[in-house]
Protein backbone atom coordinates (compact mmCIF):
# COMPACT_ATOMS: atom_id res chain seq x y z
CA MET A 1 -20.33 18.11 0.76
CA GLU A 2 -23.03 18.83 3.26
CA ARG A 3 -23.60 17.11 6.86
CA GLY A 4 -26.45 15.33 6.30
CA GLN A 5 -23.96 13.28 3.82
CA VAL A 6 -21.21 13.36 5.78
CA ARG A 7 -23.21 11.62 8.75
CA ILE A 8 -25.10 9.23 5.79
CA MET A 9 -21.53 7.97 4.10
CA ASP A 10 -20.42 8.33 7.83
CA LEU A 11 -23.03 5.37 8.31
CA ARG A 12 -22.36 3.53 5.74
CA VAL A 13 -18.92 3.00 6.75
CA THR A 14 -19.95 2.05 10.03
CA ALA A 15 -22.00 -0.29 8.59
CA ILE A 16 -19.56 -2.00 6.61
CA ALA A 17 -17.11 -2.74 8.79
CA VAL A 18 -18.83 -3.49 11.50
CA ALA A 19 -20.68 -6.50 8.48
CA ALA A 20 -16.45 -7.45 7.84
CA LEU A 21 -16.35 -7.71 11.97
CA ALA A 22 -18.75 -10.21 12.22
CA VAL A 23 -17.70 -12.24 9.18
CA GLY A 24 -14.03 -11.83 11.45
CA VAL A 25 -16.09 -13.70 14.73
CA ALA A 26 -18.26 -15.92 12.23
CA ILE A 27 -14.85 -17.30 12.11
CA TYR A 28 -13.73 -17.66 15.18
CA VAL A 29 -16.69 -18.94 16.32
CA LEU A 30 -16.88 -21.29 13.23
CA ASP A 31 -14.09 -22.67 12.20
CA ARG A 32 -11.24 -22.22 15.15
CA PRO A 33 -10.83 -24.32 18.47
CA PRO A 34 -11.97 -22.72 21.74
CA GLY A 35 -9.70 -20.29 23.12
CA SER A 36 -8.37 -18.88 19.63
CA ALA A 37 -10.00 -15.51 20.15
CA TYR A 38 -9.19 -13.49 23.78
CA LEU A 39 -12.27 -12.39 23.94
CA LEU A 40 -14.44 -14.90 23.00
CA PRO A 41 -15.66 -17.27 25.85
CA ARG A 42 -14.24 -20.70 25.45
CA GLY A 43 -17.93 -21.99 25.19
CA ALA A 44 -19.00 -19.56 22.32
CA THR A 45 -17.37 -22.34 19.40
CA LEU A 46 -19.02 -24.24 17.45
CA PHE A 47 -15.47 -26.00 15.69
CA SER A 48 -16.14 -29.08 14.53
CA GLY A 49 -12.69 -30.51 14.71
CA THR A 50 -12.50 -29.07 10.94
CA ALA A 51 -12.47 -25.69 9.24
CA LEU A 52 -15.98 -26.46 7.16
CA TRP A 53 -16.85 -23.25 6.58
CA PHE A 54 -14.09 -20.94 5.65
CA GLY A 55 -11.34 -23.49 4.86
CA GLY A 56 -8.08 -22.33 4.03
CA ALA A 57 -9.42 -18.63 3.86
CA GLY A 58 -10.40 -18.88 7.25
CA ASP A 59 -6.75 -18.82 8.00
CA TRP A 60 -5.82 -15.12 6.57
CA ILE A 61 -8.91 -13.73 6.31
CA PRO A 62 -9.60 -12.20 9.54
CA ALA A 63 -5.97 -10.25 9.21
CA PHE A 64 -8.06 -8.95 6.03
CA LEU A 65 -10.55 -8.41 7.85
CA HIS A 66 -9.10 -6.91 11.50
CA VAL A 67 -7.30 -3.32 8.86
CA PHE A 68 -9.71 -3.35 6.46
CA ALA A 69 -12.74 -3.17 9.31
CA PHE A 70 -10.72 -0.76 11.65
CA SER A 71 -9.55 1.94 8.73
CA LEU A 72 -12.96 1.90 7.64
CA LEU A 73 -14.09 2.62 11.73
CA SER A 74 -11.08 4.70 12.10
CA ALA A 75 -12.11 6.68 8.90
CA ALA A 76 -15.29 6.89 10.38
CA LEU A 77 -15.44 8.74 13.51
CA LEU A 78 -12.27 11.10 12.53
CA ARG A 79 -14.39 12.08 9.52
CA ALA A 80 -11.46 11.72 7.93
CA SER A 81 -10.72 13.01 4.73
CA ARG A 82 -9.23 11.15 1.69
CA ALA A 83 -5.82 12.21 2.84
CA ALA A 84 -6.36 11.52 6.33
CA ALA A 85 -8.23 8.00 5.27
CA ALA A 86 -5.10 7.26 3.94
CA SER A 87 -3.05 8.00 6.54
CA VAL A 88 -5.16 5.67 8.64
CA CYS A 89 -5.36 2.78 6.54
CA VAL A 90 -1.65 2.49 6.88
CA ALA A 91 -2.15 3.71 10.39
CA TRP A 92 -3.86 -0.41 10.16
CA TRP A 93 -1.49 -1.78 8.06
CA ALA A 94 1.47 -0.65 10.08
CA ILE A 95 -0.14 -1.81 13.19
CA ASP A 96 -1.32 -5.35 12.31
CA SER A 97 1.62 -5.80 10.06
CA LEU A 98 3.54 -5.31 13.18
CA PHE A 99 1.75 -7.95 15.33
CA GLU A 100 2.20 -10.24 12.94
CA LEU A 101 5.73 -9.79 12.54
CA GLY A 102 5.83 -9.93 16.28
CA GLN A 103 4.57 -13.57 16.28
CA HIS A 104 7.78 -14.91 13.87
CA PRO A 105 9.98 -17.70 15.72
CA ALA A 106 13.27 -15.19 15.74
CA ILE A 107 10.95 -12.43 17.23
CA SER A 108 8.66 -13.94 19.08
CA PRO A 109 9.96 -16.19 21.71
CA HIS A 110 12.76 -12.37 22.06
CA LEU A 111 8.95 -10.51 22.89
CA GLY A 112 7.65 -12.97 25.80
CA ALA A 113 3.97 -11.66 25.60
CA ALA A 114 0.77 -14.51 24.79
CA TYR A 115 -0.51 -13.43 21.52
CA PHE A 116 3.16 -13.40 20.08
CA VAL A 117 3.99 -16.88 21.68
CA ARG A 118 0.85 -18.18 20.49
CA GLY A 119 0.14 -16.66 17.87
CA SER A 120 2.50 -18.43 14.13
CA PHE A 121 3.10 -16.03 11.47
CA ASP A 122 2.02 -16.61 8.06
CA PRO A 123 3.09 -14.74 5.16
CA ALA A 124 -0.12 -14.23 4.07
CA ASP A 125 -1.11 -12.97 6.70
CA LEU A 126 1.42 -9.75 6.02
CA LEU A 127 -0.55 -9.78 2.31
CA ALA A 128 -3.58 -9.87 3.63
CA THR A 129 -3.33 -6.28 5.45
CA ALA A 130 -2.08 -5.15 3.18
CA LEU A 131 -4.24 -6.05 1.43
CA GLY A 132 -7.14 -5.06 3.80
CA ALA A 133 -5.59 -1.37 3.87
CA VAL A 134 -6.48 -0.61 0.59
CA PHE A 135 -9.99 -2.42 0.58
CA ALA A 136 -10.94 0.07 3.29
CA TYR A 137 -8.94 3.31 0.86
CA ALA A 138 -11.03 2.06 -1.88
CA THR A 139 -14.09 1.45 -0.52
CA LEU A 140 -14.29 4.85 1.20
CA ILE A 141 -13.46 6.68 -1.52
CA LEU A 142 -16.37 5.33 -3.96
CA ILE A 143 -18.44 5.77 -0.89
CA ARG A 144 -17.47 9.18 -0.72
CA ARG A 145 -17.71 9.75 -4.62
CA ARG A 146 -21.38 7.91 -4.19
CA ALA A 147 -22.41 10.56 -1.00
CA MET A 148 -21.75 13.55 -3.21
CA PRO A 149 -24.22 14.90 -5.82
């Protein structure tokens, strides 16, 4: 693959990742109560008391989007080959899965960190992280195929 094709591919991958992160931020702004996200100021939420925009899916979409977007961003930054892209996706799946498991009631009291104690374990989030990794890898492969003549 030529240098220009790699740059275009990286830009596409980065744009998709940024769009995914924007959807994740929208979930926290529109459907989550103030204080739900560490990096979002308390006054930056438009939460009305019910999850109107994303409904029940808003509970697990952030887990999917986090793995998906960070896998894409990491692969673009590293200009990852096909094998390296798979490794990047698996790494983000493992990281997010460990954080989710750390929120399990049997584990979180022993860890003590605010993230684990305030968070809530959800098996759907584990599934969402796995799907995020699979979709990220598929996206990387599809974009790579389209970038090649």
